[in-house]
């Protein structure tokens, strides 16, 4: 019996593979995105004035996402990306499937990554989802884009990571 308890305690006391996650729950500085080609400082400078250009650039999008993740506020950019993917969907079956997933993940009350949209926008979006179309999330996506442009982009531009990009 004592040996059994000792074995169970030994298992519980073993360090997890990623013990660092328990010590540092989030990165001090956003991780550099892999694979995408780093932009020139001139190109990165354009992102200050254009969220659209930032989001169209794979490196910019990954950088912005990493920055927002470091602030625990990545749901807006993830919603925007999900909407972009959704609009490109051709199959009606896939549209219905993706609409349900986006709704459950970002729109419904208490969703795991609920985005901050007003009641009217939420109501219009829910009405649009009765018969999902590629444009069903357009109003909500525009609201979130405006929110990121007004709030998240200025914080990103002031960040150390962005300053490194424009050097």
Protein backbone atom coordinates (compact mmCIF):
# COMPACT_ATOMS: atom_id res chain seq x y z
CA UNK A 1 0.00 0.00 0.00
CA UNK A 2 2.80 2.45 0.93
CA UNK A 3 4.67 1.54 -2.24
CA UNK A 4 1.53 2.23 -4.32
CA UNK A 5 1.11 5.68 -2.72
CA UNK A 6 4.82 6.42 -3.27
CA UNK A 7 4.48 5.49 -6.97
CA UNK A 8 1.42 7.73 -7.41
CA UNK A 9 3.12 10.64 -5.65
CA UNK A 10 6.23 10.14 -7.78
CA UNK A 11 4.10 10.39 -10.91
CA UNK A 12 2.43 13.57 -9.69
CA UNK A 13 5.73 15.15 -8.74
CA UNK A 14 7.36 14.58 -12.13
CA UNK A 15 7.97 17.78 -14.04
CA UNK A 16 5.79 18.20 -17.10
CA UNK A 17 7.52 18.34 -20.49
CA UNK A 18 6.84 22.03 -20.78
CA UNK A 19 7.53 23.17 -17.22
CA UNK A 20 8.54 26.55 -18.61
CA UNK A 21 4.86 27.19 -19.42
CA UNK A 22 4.10 27.12 -15.72
CA UNK A 23 6.93 29.47 -14.86
CA UNK A 24 6.38 32.01 -17.66
CA UNK A 25 2.71 31.85 -18.72
CA UNK A 26 3.19 34.22 -21.66
CA UNK A 27 6.14 35.47 -23.63
CA UNK A 28 7.77 38.72 -22.54
CA UNK A 29 8.07 39.65 -26.18
CA UNK A 30 5.95 38.28 -29.03
CA UNK A 31 7.54 35.39 -30.88
CA UNK A 32 8.86 36.13 -34.33
CA UNK A 33 6.58 34.51 -36.86
CA UNK A 34 8.10 31.63 -38.80
CA UNK A 35 8.26 31.13 -42.57
CA UNK A 36 6.84 34.44 -43.83
CA UNK A 37 9.45 36.72 -45.33
CA UNK A 38 10.39 39.64 -43.11
CA UNK A 39 9.28 42.93 -44.68
CA UNK A 40 11.57 45.82 -45.42
CA UNK A 41 11.50 48.62 -42.82
CA UNK A 42 9.75 50.81 -45.45
CA UNK A 43 7.01 48.22 -45.93
CA UNK A 44 6.56 47.77 -42.18
CA UNK A 45 6.32 51.56 -41.79
CA UNK A 46 3.20 51.53 -44.00
CA UNK A 47 1.44 49.36 -41.42
CA UNK A 48 1.24 52.33 -39.01
CA UNK A 49 -1.36 53.92 -41.24
CA UNK A 50 -3.04 50.87 -42.74
CA UNK A 51 -4.38 47.92 -40.81
CA UNK A 52 -5.49 46.53 -44.17
CA UNK A 53 -1.87 46.43 -45.45
CA UNK A 54 -0.73 44.87 -42.18
CA UNK A 55 -3.35 42.11 -42.38
CA UNK A 56 -2.63 41.43 -46.07
CA UNK A 57 1.05 40.79 -45.37
CA UNK A 58 1.65 37.25 -43.99
CA UNK A 59 4.52 38.42 -41.79
CA UNK A 60 2.51 41.43 -40.64
CA UNK A 61 -0.51 39.30 -39.80
CA UNK A 62 1.62 36.80 -37.88
CA UNK A 63 3.43 39.61 -36.04
CA UNK A 64 0.17 41.33 -35.13
CA UNK A 65 -1.33 38.03 -33.98
CA UNK A 66 1.73 37.26 -31.80
CA UNK A 67 1.57 40.73 -30.30
CA UNK A 68 -2.14 40.39 -29.49
CA UNK A 69 -1.55 36.92 -28.05
CA UNK A 70 1.05 38.42 -25.71
CA UNK A 71 -1.67 40.80 -24.50
CA UNK A 72 -4.30 38.02 -24.25
CA UNK A 73 -6.46 39.75 -26.87
CA UNK A 74 -6.01 37.69 -30.01
CA UNK A 75 -9.70 36.87 -30.49
CA UNK A 76 -10.36 39.88 -32.75
CA UNK A 77 -7.67 39.07 -35.30
CA UNK A 78 -8.58 35.37 -35.17
CA UNK A 79 -12.22 36.26 -35.86
CA UNK A 80 -11.18 38.51 -38.76
CA UNK A 81 -9.05 35.71 -40.27
CA UNK A 82 -11.86 33.17 -39.80
CA UNK A 83 -14.25 35.53 -41.62
CA UNK A 84 -11.79 35.99 -44.51
CA UNK A 85 -11.51 32.22 -44.85
CA UNK A 86 -15.30 31.85 -44.57
CA UNK A 87 -15.93 34.34 -47.41
CA UNK A 88 -13.74 32.28 -49.75
CA UNK A 89 -15.73 29.09 -49.12
CA UNK A 90 -17.63 27.85 -52.17
CA UNK A 91 -19.50 24.76 -50.98
CA UNK A 92 -22.85 25.48 -49.28
CA UNK A 93 -22.30 22.55 -46.93
CA UNK A 94 -18.91 23.98 -45.89
CA UNK A 95 -20.41 27.48 -45.52
CA UNK A 96 -23.02 26.16 -43.09
CA UNK A 97 -20.37 24.18 -41.20
CA UNK A 98 -17.95 27.12 -40.94
CA UNK A 99 -20.73 29.58 -40.02
CA UNK A 100 -21.72 27.37 -37.09
CA UNK A 101 -18.10 27.05 -35.96
CA UNK A 102 -17.46 30.82 -36.17
CA UNK A 103 -20.70 31.54 -34.33
CA UNK A 104 -19.89 29.08 -31.53
CA UNK A 105 -16.29 30.21 -31.20
CA UNK A 106 -16.65 34.00 -31.49
CA UNK A 107 -20.24 35.30 -31.51
CA UNK A 108 -22.46 33.43 -29.07
CA UNK A 109 -22.64 34.68 -25.49
CA UNK A 110 -19.88 33.10 -23.38
CA UNK A 111 -18.11 31.81 -26.51
CA UNK A 112 -14.51 30.69 -25.84
CA UNK A 113 -13.14 33.62 -27.87
CA UNK A 114 -16.14 35.94 -27.79
CA UNK A 115 -15.55 39.16 -29.71
CA UNK A 116 -16.84 42.47 -28.43
CA UNK A 117 -19.67 43.49 -30.75
CA UNK A 118 -22.74 45.53 -29.93
CA UNK A 119 -26.16 43.94 -29.45
CA UNK A 120 -27.51 45.19 -32.81
CA UNK A 121 -24.55 43.73 -34.76
CA UNK A 122 -24.90 40.44 -32.91
CA UNK A 123 -28.63 40.32 -33.69
CA UNK A 124 -28.09 41.07 -37.40
CA UNK A 125 -25.34 38.42 -37.57
CA UNK A 126 -27.55 35.81 -35.90
CA UNK A 127 -30.38 36.65 -38.32
CA UNK A 128 -27.95 36.27 -41.25
CA UNK A 129 -27.00 32.81 -40.01
CA UNK A 130 -30.52 31.42 -40.47
CA UNK A 131 -29.52 30.98 -44.14
CA UNK A 132 -25.72 31.41 -44.15
CA UNK A 133 -24.19 33.29 -47.08
CA UNK A 134 -20.57 34.34 -47.68
CA UNK A 135 -21.61 37.82 -46.46
CA UNK A 136 -23.24 36.64 -43.20
CA UNK A 137 -20.44 37.95 -40.96
CA UNK A 138 -19.67 41.14 -42.91
CA UNK A 139 -21.16 43.60 -40.41
CA UNK A 140 -19.49 41.94 -37.42
CA UNK A 141 -16.18 41.70 -39.28
CA UNK A 142 -16.32 45.42 -40.16
CA UNK A 143 -16.99 46.30 -36.51
CA UNK A 144 -14.06 44.19 -35.33
CA UNK A 145 -11.79 45.66 -38.03
CA UNK A 146 -12.71 49.16 -36.84
CA UNK A 147 -12.03 48.16 -33.23
CA UNK A 148 -8.60 46.74 -34.12
CA UNK A 149 -7.80 49.83 -36.20
CA UNK A 150 -8.74 52.19 -33.39
CA UNK A 151 -7.38 50.20 -30.43
CA UNK A 152 -5.05 47.29 -31.25
CA UNK A 153 -3.07 48.81 -34.14
CA UNK A 154 -1.88 51.86 -32.16
CA UNK A 155 -0.70 49.57 -29.32
CA UNK A 156 1.09 47.32 -31.82
CA UNK A 157 2.80 50.31 -33.46
CA UNK A 158 4.06 51.45 -30.04
CA UNK A 159 5.40 47.96 -29.21
CA UNK A 160 9.06 47.02 -29.05
CA UNK A 161 8.51 44.27 -31.61
CA UNK A 162 7.22 46.75 -34.21
CA UNK A 163 10.06 49.15 -33.48
CA UNK A 164 12.49 46.30 -34.26
CA UNK A 165 10.79 45.77 -37.63
CA UNK A 166 11.20 49.35 -38.76
CA UNK A 167 14.90 49.63 -37.85
